[in-house]
Protein backbone atom coordinates (compact mmCIF):
# COMPACT_ATOMS: atom_id res chain seq x y z
CA MET A 1 -139.67 91.99 99.29
CA ARG A 2 -135.76 92.30 98.43
CA PHE A 3 -133.55 95.13 98.85
CA PRO A 4 -131.67 96.24 96.00
CA SER A 5 -127.99 94.86 95.74
CA LEU A 6 -124.71 95.46 94.04
CA PHE A 7 -123.79 92.05 94.09
CA LYS A 8 -125.38 88.88 92.06
CA THR A 9 -127.05 86.42 94.39
CA LYS A 10 -127.18 82.53 93.49
CA HIS A 11 -129.68 80.80 92.01
CA PRO A 12 -130.40 77.56 92.77
CA ARG A 13 -129.07 75.23 89.68
CA GLY A 14 -132.10 73.54 87.91
CA PHE A 15 -132.45 69.92 86.75
CA ASN A 16 -132.71 69.11 83.34
CA PHE A 17 -133.24 65.25 82.67
CA GLN A 18 -133.96 63.96 79.32
CA PRO A 19 -135.01 60.55 79.58
CA ARG A 20 -133.49 58.11 76.63
CA TYR A 21 -135.86 56.12 74.71
CA TYR A 22 -134.12 53.12 73.07
CA ASP A 23 -135.89 51.41 70.04
CA GLU A 24 -134.04 48.09 68.94
CA ARG A 25 -135.91 48.16 65.65
CA LYS A 26 -134.83 51.20 64.93
CA GLU A 27 -131.19 50.65 65.54
CA ARG A 28 -131.26 47.63 63.61
CA LEU A 29 -132.88 49.23 60.70
CA GLU A 30 -130.19 51.95 60.63
CA LYS A 31 -127.45 49.84 60.83
CA LEU A 32 -128.88 47.71 57.89
CA ARG A 33 -129.13 50.93 56.13
CA ARG A 34 -125.59 52.25 57.03
CA ALA A 35 -124.39 48.63 55.62
CA ALA A 36 -126.00 49.20 52.50
CA GLU A 37 -124.89 52.85 51.75
CA LYS A 38 -121.52 51.38 52.55
CA GLU A 39 -121.68 48.70 49.93
CA VAL A 40 -123.15 50.95 47.49
CA GLU A 41 -120.38 53.36 48.08
CA LEU A 42 -117.73 50.82 47.48
CA GLU A 43 -118.98 49.46 44.48
CA GLN A 44 -119.25 52.96 43.09
CA SER A 45 -115.31 53.69 44.31
CA GLU A 46 -114.32 50.15 42.62
CA ARG A 47 -116.00 51.54 39.32
CA THR A 48 -114.19 54.64 39.42
CA LEU A 49 -110.94 52.76 40.40
CA LYS A 50 -111.27 50.77 37.13
CA LYS A 51 -111.54 54.20 34.96
CA GLY A 52 -109.05 55.52 36.92
CA GLU A 53 -106.22 52.84 36.97
CA LEU A 54 -104.53 54.20 33.68
CA GLN A 55 -104.33 57.99 35.66
CA SER A 56 -103.15 55.99 38.67
CA ALA A 57 -100.56 54.03 37.03
CA TRP A 58 -99.07 57.03 34.90
CA ARG A 59 -99.07 59.11 38.62
CA LYS A 60 -97.28 56.60 40.09
CA ASN A 61 -94.96 56.28 36.98
CA GLN A 62 -94.02 59.75 37.01
CA VAL A 63 -93.37 59.80 40.89
CA ASN A 64 -90.71 56.99 40.25
CA TYR A 65 -89.14 58.82 37.25
CA HIS A 66 -88.67 61.96 39.27
CA GLN A 67 -87.73 60.01 42.48
CA LYS A 68 -84.54 58.16 40.71
CA ARG A 69 -83.56 61.28 38.51
CA SER A 70 -83.67 63.30 41.97
CA ASN A 71 -81.61 60.25 43.65
CA THR A 72 -78.91 60.75 40.75
CA ARG A 73 -78.74 64.52 40.80
CA ILE A 74 -77.72 63.93 44.64
CA PHE A 75 -75.23 61.40 43.94
CA LEU A 76 -73.55 63.48 41.27
CA ILE A 77 -73.48 66.41 43.46
CA ALA A 78 -72.18 64.37 46.56
CA GLY A 79 -69.58 63.02 43.93
CA VAL A 80 -68.44 66.24 42.80
CA LEU A 81 -68.13 67.69 46.42
CA ALA A 82 -66.20 64.48 47.14
CA VAL A 83 -63.41 65.24 44.41
CA ILE A 84 -63.06 69.08 45.44
CA PHE A 85 -62.66 68.01 48.94
CA TYR A 86 -60.08 65.26 47.87
CA LEU A 87 -58.31 67.82 45.82
CA LEU A 88 -58.36 70.98 48.68
CA LEU A 89 -56.75 68.33 51.26
CA LYS A 90 -53.91 67.16 48.82
């Protein structure tokens, strides 16, 4: 018979052991399945790559165009500031 208490009493921790089972055949089949899925995925990505080559080339060209334009703008601004700075010092 227990008396009521204001404090919690400690209970022993339980032991929960789940044994592992290793199935070599299942692991091998799973590995082969993953390899086959990866191969199929690679083939599909190659097909979409061929379809999207024109788009990717166009996007790459667009990025280069904008980058060149941005660089030209920066050099122009730097040149104008250099001329203004030179005139102020003179």
